[in-house]
């Protein structure tokens, strides 16, 4: 069965490169441009992992994660922050809210893919 990933980021170049890389790894890829779009998709899809930016319009990554953690059907879904917010306090906040990993931009697509694959094994 194909693994599913939801990429939540408002930066089109990032989304495109990640989408391409995960499709090559045989993932089913869903895209959301902000937290509210992500929550809409999650009503119909349960991904194995969500790659989540923090700074987005409407609903930010922290708010999105809080919502995810209160949704029973998503309890098993891994959440990985991928963000430019790289201060220790930001990372701590993300992990405290329940993220499985906190990766910072700029990033190597190859590294992101390997981190995600490792997380899902």
PDB file of N, CA and C in Angstrom:
ATOM      1  N   UNK A   1       0.832  -1.190   0.000  1.00  0.00           N
ATOM      2  CA  UNK A   1       0.000   0.000   0.000  1.00  0.00           C
ATOM      3  C   UNK A   1       0.876   1.252   0.000  1.00  0.00           C
ATOM      4  N   UNK A   2       0.479   2.217  -0.795  1.00  0.00           N
ATOM      5  CA  UNK A   2       1.257   3.450  -0.895  1.00  0.00           C
ATOM      6  C   UNK A   2       1.205   4.237   0.407  1.00  0.00           C
ATOM      7  N   UNK A   3       2.335   4.808   0.761  1.00  0.00           N
ATOM      8  CA  UNK A   3       2.360   5.710   1.902  1.00  0.00           C
ATOM      9  C   UNK A   3       1.828   7.061   1.437  1.00  0.00           C
ATOM     10  N   UNK A   4       1.164   7.763   2.340  1.00  0.00           N
ATOM     11  CA  UNK A   4       0.600   9.071   1.998  1.00  0.00           C
ATOM     12  C   UNK A   4       1.297  10.166   2.785  1.00  0.00           C
ATOM     13  N   UNK A   5       1.565  11.265   2.097  1.00  0.00           N
ATOM     14  CA  UNK A   5       2.162  12.417   2.767  1.00  0.00           C
ATOM     15  C   UNK A   5       1.346  13.657   2.411  1.00  0.00           C
ATOM     16  N   UNK A   6       1.141  14.499   3.408  1.00  0.00           N
ATOM     17  CA  UNK A   6       0.514  15.796   3.178  1.00  0.00           C
ATOM     18  C   UNK A   6       1.586  16.855   3.387  1.00  0.00           C
ATOM     19  N   UNK A   7       1.842  17.640   2.344  1.00  0.00           N
ATOM     20  CA  UNK A   7       2.836  18.713   2.432  1.00  0.00           C
ATOM     21  C   UNK A   7       2.082  20.024   2.599  1.00  0.00           C
ATOM     22  N   UNK A   8       2.339  20.695   3.713  1.00  0.00           N
ATOM     23  CA  UNK A   8       1.633  21.939   4.010  1.00  0.00           C
ATOM     24  C   UNK A   8       2.650  23.079   4.034  1.00  0.00           C
ATOM     25  N   UNK A   9       2.646  23.875   2.958  1.00  0.00           N
ATOM     26  CA  UNK A   9       3.601  24.970   2.855  1.00  0.00           C
ATOM     27  C   UNK A   9       3.047  25.977   1.862  1.00  0.00           C
ATOM     28  N   UNK A  10       3.295  27.257   2.103  1.00  0.00           N
ATOM     29  CA  UNK A  10       2.775  28.287   1.203  1.00  0.00           C
ATOM     30  C   UNK A  10       3.811  28.728   0.165  1.00  0.00           C
ATOM     31  N   UNK A  11       4.929  28.023   0.105  1.00  0.00           N
ATOM     32  CA  UNK A  11       6.011  28.371  -0.820  1.00  0.00           C
ATOM     33  C   UNK A  11       6.014  27.383  -1.998  1.00  0.00           C
ATOM     34  N   UNK A  12       5.517  27.802  -3.179  1.00  0.00           N
ATOM     35  CA  UNK A  12       5.341  26.874  -4.306  1.00  0.00           C
ATOM     36  C   UNK A  12       6.594  26.091  -4.701  1.00  0.00           C
ATOM     37  N   UNK A  13       7.771  26.726  -4.678  1.00  0.00           N
ATOM     38  CA  UNK A  13       8.999  26.016  -5.072  1.00  0.00           C
ATOM     39  C   UNK A  13       9.313  24.869  -4.138  1.00  0.00           C
ATOM     40  N   UNK A  14       9.103  25.097  -2.867  1.00  0.00           N
ATOM     41  CA  UNK A  14       9.350  24.052  -1.867  1.00  0.00           C
ATOM     42  C   UNK A  14       8.379  22.901  -2.103  1.00  0.00           C
ATOM     43  N   UNK A  15       7.111  23.245  -2.257  1.00  0.00           N
ATOM     44  CA  UNK A  15       6.084  22.228  -2.470  1.00  0.00           C
ATOM     45  C   UNK A  15       6.406  21.389  -3.705  1.00  0.00           C
ATOM     46  N   UNK A  16       6.787  22.057  -4.800  1.00  0.00           N
ATOM     47  CA  UNK A  16       7.062  21.332  -6.043  1.00  0.00           C
ATOM     48  C   UNK A  16       8.231  20.369  -5.906  1.00  0.00           C
ATOM     49  N   UNK A  17       9.323  20.831  -5.294  1.00  0.00           N
ATOM     50  CA  UNK A  17      10.496  19.943  -5.195  1.00  0.00           C
ATOM     51  C   UNK A  17      10.210  18.762  -4.264  1.00  0.00           C
ATOM     52  N   UNK A  18       9.488  19.019  -3.177  1.00  0.00           N
ATOM     53  CA  UNK A  18       9.165  17.924  -2.253  1.00  0.00           C
ATOM     54  C   UNK A  18       8.163  16.952  -2.877  1.00  0.00           C
ATOM     55  N   UNK A  19       7.173  17.506  -3.561  1.00  0.00           N
ATOM     56  CA  UNK A  19       6.158  16.652  -4.205  1.00  0.00           C
ATOM     57  C   UNK A  19       6.842  15.696  -5.180  1.00  0.00           C
ATOM     58  N   UNK A  20       7.729  16.226  -5.991  1.00  0.00           N
ATOM     59  CA  UNK A  20       8.457  15.427  -6.969  1.00  0.00           C
ATOM     60  C   UNK A  20       9.261  14.317  -6.270  1.00  0.00           C
ATOM     61  N   UNK A  21       9.998  14.701  -5.225  1.00  0.00           N
ATOM     62  CA  UNK A  21      10.859  13.747  -4.529  1.00  0.00           C
ATOM     63  C   UNK A  21      10.046  12.621  -3.881  1.00  0.00           C
ATOM     64  N   UNK A  22       8.914  12.969  -3.274  1.00  0.00           N
ATOM     65  CA  UNK A  22       8.118  11.935  -2.607  1.00  0.00           C
ATOM     66  C   UNK A  22       7.365  11.052  -3.599  1.00  0.00           C
ATOM     67  N   UNK A  23       6.969  11.622  -4.733  1.00  0.00           N
ATOM     68  CA  UNK A  23       6.327  10.786  -5.767  1.00  0.00           C
ATOM     69  C   UNK A  23       7.330   9.775  -6.297  1.00  0.00           C
ATOM     70  N   UNK A  24       8.597  10.184  -6.414  1.00  0.00           N
ATOM     71  CA  UNK A  24       9.647   9.261  -6.865  1.00  0.00           C
ATOM     72  C   UNK A  24       9.821   8.107  -5.869  1.00  0.00           C
ATOM     73  N   UNK A  25       9.514   8.387  -4.597  1.00  0.00           N
ATOM     74  CA  UNK A  25       9.609   7.343  -3.558  1.00  0.00           C
ATOM     75  C   UNK A  25       8.292   6.560  -3.448  1.00  0.00           C
ATOM     76  N   UNK A  26       7.406   6.782  -4.409  1.00  0.00           N
ATOM     77  CA  UNK A  26       6.133   6.081  -4.487  1.00  0.00           C
ATOM     78  C   UNK A  26       5.143   6.471  -3.371  1.00  0.00           C
ATOM     79  N   UNK A  27       5.200   7.724  -2.964  1.00  0.00           N
ATOM     80  CA  UNK A  27       4.220   8.243  -2.010  1.00  0.00           C
ATOM     81  C   UNK A  27       3.023   8.797  -2.772  1.00  0.00           C
ATOM     82  N   UNK A  28       1.855   8.737  -2.133  1.00  0.00           N
ATOM     83  CA  UNK A  28       0.703   9.485  -2.617  1.00  0.00           C
ATOM     84  C   UNK A  28       0.839  10.862  -1.962  1.00  0.00           C
ATOM     85  N   UNK A  29       0.890  11.934  -2.753  1.00  0.00           N
ATOM     86  CA  UNK A  29       1.203  13.257  -2.213  1.00  0.00           C
ATOM     87  C   UNK A  29      -0.019  14.173  -2.249  1.00  0.00           C
ATOM     88  N   UNK A  30      -0.307  14.785  -1.102  1.00  0.00           N
ATOM     89  CA  UNK A  30      -1.367  15.789  -1.009  1.00  0.00           C
ATOM     90  C   UNK A  30      -0.713  17.119  -0.672  1.00  0.00           C
ATOM     91  N   UNK A  31      -1.288  18.199  -1.183  1.00  0.00           N
ATOM     92  CA  UNK A  31      -0.699  19.522  -1.001  1.00  0.00           C
ATOM     93  C   UNK A  31      -1.720  20.465  -0.378  1.00  0.00           C
ATOM     94  N   UNK A  32      -1.275  21.216   0.620  1.00  0.00           N
ATOM     95  CA  UNK A  32      -2.111  22.286   1.179  1.00  0.00           C
ATOM     96  C   UNK A  32      -1.239  23.526   1.299  1.00  0.00           C
ATOM     97  N   UNK A  33      -1.834  24.680   1.054  1.00  0.00           N
ATOM     98  CA  UNK A  33      -1.054  25.914   1.097  1.00  0.00           C
ATOM     99  C   UNK A  33      -1.135  26.639   2.434  1.00  0.00           C
ATOM    100  N   UNK A  34      -2.001  26.174   3.297  1.00  0.00           N
ATOM    101  CA  UNK A  34      -2.049  26.721   4.658  1.00  0.00           C
ATOM    102  C   UNK A  34      -2.766  25.726   5.564  1.00  0.00           C
ATOM    103  N   UNK A  35      -2.808  26.056   6.842  1.00  0.00           N
ATOM    104  CA  UNK A  35      -3.382  25.135   7.817  1.00  0.00           C
ATOM    105  C   UNK A  35      -4.847  24.821   7.568  1.00  0.00           C
ATOM    106  N   UNK A  36      -5.632  25.830   7.165  1.00  0.00           N
ATOM    107  CA  UNK A  36      -7.059  25.560   6.984  1.00  0.00           C
ATOM    108  C   UNK A  36      -7.293  24.616   5.799  1.00  0.00           C
ATOM    109  N   UNK A  37      -6.486  24.784   4.741  1.00  0.00           N
ATOM    110  CA  UNK A  37      -6.569  23.864   3.599  1.00  0.00           C
ATOM    111  C   UNK A  37      -6.162  22.450   4.032  1.00  0.00           C
ATOM    112  N   UNK A  38      -5.139  22.369   4.872  1.00  0.00           N
ATOM    113  CA  UNK A  38      -4.678  21.068   5.373  1.00  0.00           C
ATOM    114  C   UNK A  38      -5.790  20.376   6.154  1.00  0.00           C
ATOM    115  N   UNK A  39      -6.446  21.114   7.033  1.00  0.00           N
ATOM    116  CA  UNK A  39      -7.499  20.529   7.875  1.00  0.00           C
ATOM    117  C   UNK A  39      -8.666  20.046   7.012  1.00  0.00           C
ATOM    118  N   UNK A  40      -8.914  20.744   5.914  1.00  0.00           N
ATOM    119  CA  UNK A  40      -9.972  20.349   4.972  1.00  0.00           C
ATOM    120  C   UNK A  40      -9.618  19.000   4.338  1.00  0.00           C
ATOM    121  N   UNK A  41      -8.379  18.860   3.871  1.00  0.00           N
ATOM    122  CA  UNK A  41      -7.913  17.606   3.248  1.00  0.00           C
ATOM    123  C   UNK A  41      -7.974  16.462   4.260  1.00  0.00           C
ATOM    124  N   UNK A  42      -7.625  16.762   5.510  1.00  0.00           N
ATOM    125  CA  UNK A  42      -7.555  15.720   6.541  1.00  0.00           C
ATOM    126  C   UNK A  42      -8.929  15.182   6.946  1.00  0.00           C
ATOM    127  N   UNK A  43      -9.982  15.848   6.498  1.00  0.00           N
ATOM    128  CA  UNK A  43     -11.325  15.313   6.757  1.00  0.00           C
ATOM    129  C   UNK A  43     -11.558  14.076   5.891  1.00  0.00           C
ATOM    130  N   UNK A  44     -10.823  13.971   4.771  1.00  0.00           N
ATOM    131  CA  UNK A  44     -11.045  12.892   3.812  1.00  0.00           C
ATOM    132  C   UNK A  44      -9.854  11.957   3.659  1.00  0.00           C
ATOM    133  N   UNK A  45      -8.676  12.395   4.088  1.00  0.00           N
ATOM    134  CA  UNK A  45      -7.464  11.603   3.915  1.00  0.00           C
ATOM    135  C   UNK A  45      -6.733  11.473   5.246  1.00  0.00           C
ATOM    136  N   UNK A  46      -6.215  10.287   5.499  1.00  0.00           N
ATOM    137  CA  UNK A  46      -5.382  10.079   6.689  1.00  0.00           C
ATOM    138  C   UNK A  46      -3.972   9.756   6.197  1.00  0.00           C
ATOM    139  N   UNK A  47      -3.095  10.769   6.148  1.00  0.00           N
ATOM    140  CA  UNK A  47      -1.735  10.488   5.663  1.00  0.00           C
ATOM    141  C   UNK A  47      -0.901   9.781   6.736  1.00  0.00           C
ATOM    142  N   UNK A  48       0.181   9.135   6.289  1.00  0.00           N
ATOM    143  CA  UNK A  48       1.123   8.538   7.233  1.00  0.00           C
ATOM    144  C   UNK A  48       1.938   9.628   7.903  1.00  0.00           C
ATOM    145  N   UNK A  49       2.175  10.693   7.154  1.00  0.00           N
ATOM    146  CA  UNK A  49       3.020  11.768   7.672  1.00  0.00           C
ATOM    147  C   UNK A  49       2.573  13.107   7.094  1.00  0.00           C
ATOM    148  N   UNK A  50       2.714  14.139   7.912  1.00  0.00           N
ATOM    149  CA  UNK A  50       2.406  15.499   7.484  1.00  0.00           C
ATOM    150  C   UNK A  50       3.672  16.332   7.633  1.00  0.00           C
ATOM    151  N   UNK A  51       4.056  16.977   6.550  1.00  0.00           N
ATOM    152  CA  UNK A  51       5.205  17.883   6.549  1.00  0.00           C
ATOM    153  C   UNK A  51       4.630  19.282   6.651  1.00  0.00           C
ATOM    154  N   UNK A  52       4.932  19.967   7.750  1.00  0.00           N
ATOM    155  CA  UNK A  52       4.188  21.173   8.105  1.00  0.00           C
ATOM    156  C   UNK A  52       5.100  22.381   8.290  1.00  0.00           C
ATOM    157  N   UNK A  53       4.784  23.445   7.570  1.00  0.00           N
ATOM    158  CA  UNK A  53       5.492  24.713   7.756  1.00  0.00           C
ATOM    159  C   UNK A  53       4.866  25.413   8.957  1.00  0.00           C
ATOM    160  N   UNK A  54       5.609  26.285   9.618  1.00  0.00           N
ATOM    161  CA  UNK A  54       5.045  27.022  10.760  1.00  0.00           C
ATOM    162  C   UNK A  54       4.388  28.314  10.292  1.00  0.00           C
ATOM    163  N   UNK A  55       5.127  29.100   9.511  1.00  0.00           N
ATOM    164  CA  UNK A  55       4.626  30.422   9.131  1.00  0.00           C
ATOM    165  C   UNK A  55       3.820  30.360   7.844  1.00  0.00           C
ATOM    166  N   UNK A  56       2.500  30.389   7.997  1.00  0.00           N
ATOM    167  CA  UNK A  56       1.601  30.343   6.846  1.00  0.00           C
ATOM    168  C   UNK A  56       0.430  31.281   7.084  1.00  0.00           C
ATOM    169  N   UNK A  57      -0.225  31.687   5.998  1.00  0.00           N
ATOM    170  CA  UNK A  57      -1.412  32.536   6.166  1.00  0.00           C
ATOM    171  C   UNK A  57      -2.551  31.757   6.832  1.00  0.00           C
ATOM    172  N   UNK A  58      -3.533  32.462   7.330  1.00  0.00           N
ATOM    173  CA  UNK A  58      -4.742  31.892   7.952  1.00  0.00           C
ATOM    174  C   UNK A  58      -4.447  31.099   9.222  1.00  0.00           C
ATOM    175  N   UNK A  59      -4.156  29.827   9.076  1.00  0.00           N
ATOM    176  CA  UNK A  59      -3.901  28.972  10.243  1.00  0.00           C
ATOM    177  C   UNK A  59      -2.440  28.548  10.195  1.00  0.00           C
ATOM    178  N   UNK A  60      -1.648  28.912  11.209  1.00  0.00           N
ATOM    179  CA  UNK A  60      -0.217  28.558  11.153  1.00  0.00           C
ATOM    180  C   UNK A  60       0.029  27.105  11.553  1.00  0.00           C
ATOM    181  N   UNK A  61       1.279  26.690  11.437  1.00  0.00           N
ATOM    182  CA  UNK A  61       1.637  25.293  11.699  1.00  0.00           C
ATOM    183  C   UNK A  61       1.375  24.869  13.132  1.00  0.00           C
ATOM    184  N   UNK A  62       1.631  25.759  14.091  1.00  0.00           N
ATOM    185  CA  UNK A  62       1.399  25.412  15.499  1.00  0.00           C
ATOM    186  C   UNK A  62      -0.083  25.143  15.747  1.00  0.00           C
ATOM    187  N   UNK A  63      -0.938  26.026  15.221  1.00  0.00           N
ATOM    188  CA  UNK A  63      -2.389  25.848  15.400  1.00  0.00           C
ATOM    189  C   UNK A  63      -2.865  24.573  14.712  1.00  0.00           C
ATOM    190  N   UNK A  64      -2.305  24.316  13.525  1.00  0.00           N
ATOM    191  CA  UNK A  64      -2.670  23.115  12.782  1.00  0.00           C
ATOM    192  C   UNK A  64      -2.308  21.871  13.587  1.00  0.00           C
ATOM    193  N   UNK A  65      -1.109  21.861  14.151  1.00  0.00           N
ATOM    194  CA  UNK A  65      -0.667  20.702  14.935  1.00  0.00           C
ATOM    195  C   UNK A  65      -1.561  20.487  16.155  1.00  0.00           C
ATOM    196  N   UNK A  66      -1.924  21.573  16.842  1.00  0.00           N
ATOM    197  CA  UNK A  66      -2.825  21.440  18.002  1.00  0.00           C
ATOM    198  C   UNK A  66      -4.117  20.745  17.584  1.00  0.00           C
ATOM    199  N   UNK A  67      -4.641  21.146  16.447  1.00  0.00           N
ATOM    200  CA  UNK A  67      -5.871  20.549  15.949  1.00  0.00           C
ATOM    201  C   UNK A  67      -5.663  19.056  15.646  1.00  0.00           C
ATOM    202  N   UNK A  68      -4.538  18.736  15.012  1.00  0.00           N
ATOM    203  CA  UNK A  68      -4.246  17.341  14.658  1.00  0.00           C
ATOM    204  C   UNK A  68      -4.206  16.459  15.894  1.00  0.00           C
ATOM    205  N   UNK A  69      -3.570  16.977  16.931  1.00  0.00           N
ATOM    206  CA  UNK A  69      -3.386  16.177  18.141  1.00  0.00           C
ATOM    207  C   UNK A  69      -4.711  15.922  18.856  1.00  0.00           C
ATOM    208  N   UNK A  70      -5.732  16.711  18.529  1.00  0.00           N
ATOM    209  CA  UNK A  70      -7.051  16.515  19.137  1.00  0.00           C
ATOM    210  C   UNK A  70      -8.002  15.739  18.238  1.00  0.00           C
ATOM    211  N   UNK A  71      -7.477  15.185  17.164  1.00  0.00           N
ATOM    212  CA  UNK A  71      -8.304  14.436  16.216  1.00  0.00           C
ATOM    213  C   UNK A  71      -7.941  12.960  16.306  1.00  0.00           C
ATOM    214  N   UNK A  72      -8.886  12.146  16.792  1.00  0.00           N
ATOM    215  CA  UNK A  72      -8.606  10.732  17.022  1.00  0.00           C
ATOM    216  C   UNK A  72      -8.085   9.999  15.800  1.00  0.00           C
ATOM    217  N   UNK A  73      -8.675  10.264  14.637  1.00  0.00           N
ATOM    218  CA  UNK A  73      -8.290   9.519  13.434  1.00  0.00           C
ATOM    219  C   UNK A  73      -6.853   9.816  13.006  1.00  0.00           C
ATOM    220  N   UNK A  74      -6.266  10.905  13.547  1.00  0.00           N
ATOM    221  CA  UNK A  74      -4.914  11.298  13.144  1.00  0.00           C
ATOM    222  C   UNK A  74      -3.855  10.987  14.201  1.00  0.00           C
ATOM    223  N   UNK A  75      -4.242  10.272  15.242  1.00  0.00           N
ATOM    224  CA  UNK A  75      -3.318   9.977  16.354  1.00  0.00           C
ATOM    225  C   UNK A  75      -2.045   9.264  15.874  1.00  0.00           C
ATOM    226  N   UNK A  76      -2.177   8.417  14.845  1.00  0.00           N
ATOM    227  CA  UNK A  76      -1.025   7.644  14.357  1.00  0.00           C
ATOM    228  C   UNK A  76      -0.190   8.416  13.334  1.00  0.00           C
ATOM    229  N   UNK A  77      -0.704   9.523  12.844  1.00  0.00           N
ATOM    230  CA  UNK A  77      -0.016  10.287  11.803  1.00  0.00           C
ATOM    231  C   UNK A  77       1.199  11.012  12.374  1.00  0.00           C
ATOM    232  N   UNK A  78       2.330  10.838  11.720  1.00  0.00           N
ATOM    233  CA  UNK A  78       3.557  11.532  12.141  1.00  0.00           C
ATOM    234  C   UNK A  78       3.509  12.970  11.630  1.00  0.00           C
ATOM    235  N   UNK A  79       4.015  13.880  12.439  1.00  0.00           N
ATOM    236  CA  UNK A  79       4.047  15.284  12.018  1.00  0.00           C
ATOM    237  C   UNK A  79       5.485  15.790  12.087  1.00  0.00           C
ATOM    238  N   UNK A  80       5.944  16.354  10.972  1.00  0.00           N
ATOM    239  CA  UNK A  80       7.298  16.888  10.899  1.00  0.00           C
ATOM    240  C   UNK A  80       7.208  18.362  10.523  1.00  0.00           C
ATOM    241  N   UNK A  81       7.742  19.222  11.388  1.00  0.00           N
ATOM    242  CA  UNK A  81       7.806  20.642  11.046  1.00  0.00           C
ATOM    243  C   UNK A  81       8.968  20.855  10.096  1.00  0.00           C
ATOM    244  N   UNK A  82       8.725  21.659   9.060  1.00  0.00           N
ATOM    245  CA  UNK A  82       9.785  22.064   8.147  1.00  0.00           C
ATOM    246  C   UNK A  82       9.643  23.570   8.024  1.00  0.00           C
ATOM    247  N   UNK A  83      10.540  24.310   8.677  1.00  0.00           N
ATOM    248  CA  UNK A  83      10.318  25.742   8.823  1.00  0.00           C
ATOM    249  C   UNK A  83      11.614  26.527   8.899  1.00  0.00           C
ATOM    250  N   UNK A  84      11.515  27.806   8.598  1.00  0.00           N
ATOM    251  CA  UNK A  84      12.669  28.692   8.737  1.00  0.00           C
ATOM    252  C   UNK A  84      12.848  29.145  10.185  1.00  0.00           C
ATOM    253  N   UNK A  85      11.855  28.871  11.030  1.00  0.00           N
ATOM    254  CA  UNK A  85      11.959  29.267  12.444  1.00  0.00           C
ATOM    255  C   UNK A  85      12.899  28.289  13.144  1.00  0.00           C
ATOM    256  N   UNK A  86      14.147  28.726  13.338  1.00  0.00           N
ATOM    257  CA  UNK A  86      15.147  27.778  13.833  1.00  0.00           C
ATOM    258  C   UNK A  86      15.727  28.139  15.206  1.00  0.00           C
ATOM    259  N   UNK A  87      15.068  29.045  15.929  1.00  0.00           N
ATOM    260  CA  UNK A  87      15.538  29.346  17.286  1.00  0.00           C
ATOM    261  C   UNK A  87      15.195  28.167  18.198  1.00  0.00           C
ATOM    262  N   UNK A  88      15.999  27.984  19.221  1.00  0.00           N
ATOM    263  CA  UNK A  88      15.776  26.875  20.148  1.00  0.00           C
ATOM    264  C   UNK A  88      14.359  26.913  20.718  1.00  0.00           C
ATOM    265  N   UNK A  89      13.862  28.120  21.018  1.00  0.00           N
ATOM    266  CA  UNK A  89      12.519  28.242  21.593  1.00  0.00           C
ATOM    267  C   UNK A  89      11.433  27.790  20.605  1.00  0.00           C
ATOM    268  N   UNK A  90      11.642  28.053  19.310  1.00  0.00           N
ATOM    269  CA  UNK A  90      10.688  27.606  18.296  1.00  0.00           C
ATOM    270  C   UNK A  90      10.675  26.087  18.202  1.00  0.00           C
ATOM    271  N   UNK A  91      11.876  25.518  18.181  1.00  0.00           N
ATOM    272  CA  UNK A  91      12.015  24.063  18.059  1.00  0.00           C
ATOM    273  C   UNK A  91      11.370  23.391  19.269  1.00  0.00           C
ATOM    274  N   UNK A  92      11.660  23.940  20.452  1.00  0.00           N
ATOM    275  CA  UNK A  92      11.101  23.396  21.688  1.00  0.00           C
ATOM    276  C   UNK A  92       9.571  23.459  21.662  1.00  0.00           C
ATOM    277  N   UNK A  93       9.028  24.586  21.203  1.00  0.00           N
ATOM    278  CA  UNK A  93       7.576  24.745  21.133  1.00  0.00           C
ATOM    279  C   UNK A  93       6.976  23.690  20.199  1.00  0.00           C
ATOM    280  N   UNK A  94       7.598  23.525  19.034  1.00  0.00           N
ATOM    281  CA  UNK A  94       7.096  22.551  18.062  1.00  0.00           C
ATOM    282  C   UNK A  94       7.092  21.138  18.608  1.00  0.00           C
ATOM    283  N   UNK A  95       8.169  20.760  19.277  1.00  0.00           N
ATOM    284  CA  UNK A  95       8.269  19.402  19.817  1.00  0.00           C
ATOM    285  C   UNK A  95       7.332  19.220  21.015  1.00  0.00           C
ATOM    286  N   UNK A  96       7.189  20.271  21.821  1.00  0.00           N
ATOM    287  CA  UNK A  96       6.271  20.211  22.965  1.00  0.00           C
ATOM    288  C   UNK A  96       4.830  20.003  22.514  1.00  0.00           C
ATOM    289  N   UNK A  97       4.471  20.635  21.389  1.00  0.00           N
ATOM    290  CA  UNK A  97       3.117  20.503  20.852  1.00  0.00           C
ATOM    291  C   UNK A  97       2.872  19.103  20.284  1.00  0.00           C
ATOM    292  N   UNK A  98       3.964  18.358  20.109  1.00  0.00           N
ATOM    293  CA  UNK A  98       3.792  16.972  19.683  1.00  0.00           C
ATOM    294  C   UNK A  98       4.346  16.617  18.321  1.00  0.00           C
ATOM    295  N   UNK A  99       5.154  17.495  17.719  1.00  0.00           N
ATOM    296  CA  UNK A  99       5.767  17.136  16.425  1.00  0.00           C
ATOM    297  C   UNK A  99       6.743  15.985  16.640  1.00  0.00           C
ATOM    298  N   UNK A 100       6.838  15.106  15.660  1.00  0.00           N
ATOM    299  CA  UNK A 100       7.766  13.977  15.751  1.00  0.00           C
ATOM    300  C   UNK A 100       9.184  14.393  15.396  1.00  0.00           C
ATOM    301  N   UNK A 101       9.295  15.387  14.540  1.00  0.00           N
ATOM    302  CA  UNK A 101      10.601  15.923  14.158  1.00  0.00           C
ATOM    303  C   UNK A 101      10.453  17.402  13.851  1.00  0.00           C
ATOM    304  N   UNK A 102      11.570  18.113  13.925  1.00  0.00           N
ATOM    305  CA  UNK A 102      11.574  19.546  13.614  1.00  0.00           C
ATOM    306  C   UNK A 102      12.771  19.810  12.721  1.00  0.00           C
ATOM    307  N   UNK A 103      12.522  20.032  11.445  1.00  0.00           N
ATOM    308  CA  UNK A 103      13.595  20.264  10.479  1.00  0.00           C
ATOM    309  C   UNK A 103      13.550  21.714  10.034  1.00  0.00           C
ATOM    310  N   UNK A 104      14.718  22.281   9.765  1.00  0.00           N
ATOM    311  CA  UNK A 104      14.744  23.705   9.440  1.00  0.00           C
ATOM    312  C   UNK A 104      15.147  23.960   7.988  1.00  0.00           C
ATOM    313  N   UNK A 105      14.634  25.064   7.466  1.00  0.00           N
ATOM    314  CA  UNK A 105      14.992  25.542   6.124  1.00  0.00           C
ATOM    315  C   UNK A 105      16.216  26.434   6.268  1.00  0.00           C
ATOM    316  N   UNK A 106      17.064  26.575   5.274  1.00  0.00           N
ATOM    317  CA  UNK A 106      17.035  25.808   4.026  1.00  0.00           C
ATOM    318  C   UNK A 106      17.355  24.334   4.291  1.00  0.00           C
ATOM    319  N   UNK A 107      16.947  23.475   3.371  1.00  0.00           N
ATOM    320  CA  UNK A 107      17.105  22.040   3.597  1.00  0.00           C
ATOM    321  C   UNK A 107      17.522  21.345   2.324  1.00  0.00           C
ATOM    322  N   UNK A 108      17.973  20.111   2.466  1.00  0.00           N
ATOM    323  CA  UNK A 108      18.256  19.286   1.294  1.00  0.00           C
ATOM    324  C   UNK A 108      17.070  18.339   1.135  1.00  0.00           C
ATOM    325  N   UNK A 109      16.511  18.301  -0.057  1.00  0.00           N
ATOM    326  CA  UNK A 109      15.350  17.448  -0.315  1.00  0.00           C
ATOM    327  C   UNK A 109      15.691  15.995   0.013  1.00  0.00           C
ATOM    328  N   UNK A 110      16.905  15.593  -0.358  1.00  0.00           N
ATOM    329  CA  UNK A 110      17.347  14.219  -0.110  1.00  0.00           C
ATOM    330  C   UNK A 110      17.302  13.901   1.391  1.00  0.00           C
ATOM    331  N   UNK A 111      17.758  14.865   2.199  1.00  0.00           N
ATOM    332  CA  UNK A 111      17.771  14.667   3.652  1.00  0.00           C
ATOM    333  C   UNK A 111      16.337  14.577   4.203  1.00  0.00           C
ATOM    334  N   UNK A 112      15.456  15.430   3.707  1.00  0.00           N
ATOM    335  CA  UNK A 112      14.062  15.397   4.148  1.00  0.00           C
ATOM    336  C   UNK A 112      13.453  14.036   3.836  1.00  0.00           C
ATOM    337  N   UNK A 113      13.643  13.560   2.613  1.00  0.00           N
ATOM    338  CA  UNK A 113      13.092  12.275   2.208  1.00  0.00           C
ATOM    339  C   UNK A 113      13.630  11.162   3.106  1.00  0.00           C
ATOM    340  N   UNK A 114      14.938  11.173   3.365  1.00  0.00           N
ATOM    341  CA  UNK A 114      15.494  10.095   4.201  1.00  0.00           C
ATOM    342  C   UNK A 114      14.997  10.192   5.646  1.00  0.00           C
ATOM    343  N   UNK A 115      14.845  11.418   6.159  1.00  0.00           N
ATOM    344  CA  UNK A 115      14.303  11.595   7.529  1.00  0.00           C
ATOM    345  C   UNK A 115      12.875  11.045   7.617  1.00  0.00           C
ATOM    346  N   UNK A 116      12.079  11.326   6.608  1.00  0.00           N
ATOM    347  CA  UNK A 116      10.682  10.882   6.591  1.00  0.00           C
ATOM    348  C   UNK A 116      10.612   9.362   6.478  1.00  0.00           C
ATOM    349  N   UNK A 117      11.410   8.793   5.571  1.00  0.00           N
ATOM    350  CA  UNK A 117      11.410   7.334   5.403  1.00  0.00           C
ATOM    351  C   UNK A 117      11.836   6.646   6.702  1.00  0.00           C
ATOM    352  N   UNK A 118      12.826   7.230   7.371  1.00  0.00           N
ATOM    353  CA  UNK A 118      13.309   6.684   8.637  1.00  0.00           C
ATOM    354  C   UNK A 118      12.195   6.739   9.697  1.00  0.00           C
ATOM    355  N   UNK A 119      11.492   7.853   9.728  1.00  0.00           N
ATOM    356  CA  UNK A 119      10.422   8.053  10.703  1.00  0.00           C
ATOM    357  C   UNK A 119       9.297   7.023  10.511  1.00  0.00           C
ATOM    358  N   UNK A 120       9.077   6.614   9.277  1.00  0.00           N
ATOM    359  CA  UNK A 120       7.968   5.703   8.969  1.00  0.00           C
ATOM    360  C   UNK A 120       8.326   4.229   9.071  1.00  0.00           C
ATOM    361  N   UNK A 121       9.595   3.937   9.378  1.00  0.00           N
ATOM    362  CA  UNK A 121       9.961   2.504   9.463  1.00  0.00           C
ATOM    363  C   UNK A 121       9.794   1.983  10.867  1.00  0.00           C
TER     364      UNK A 121
END
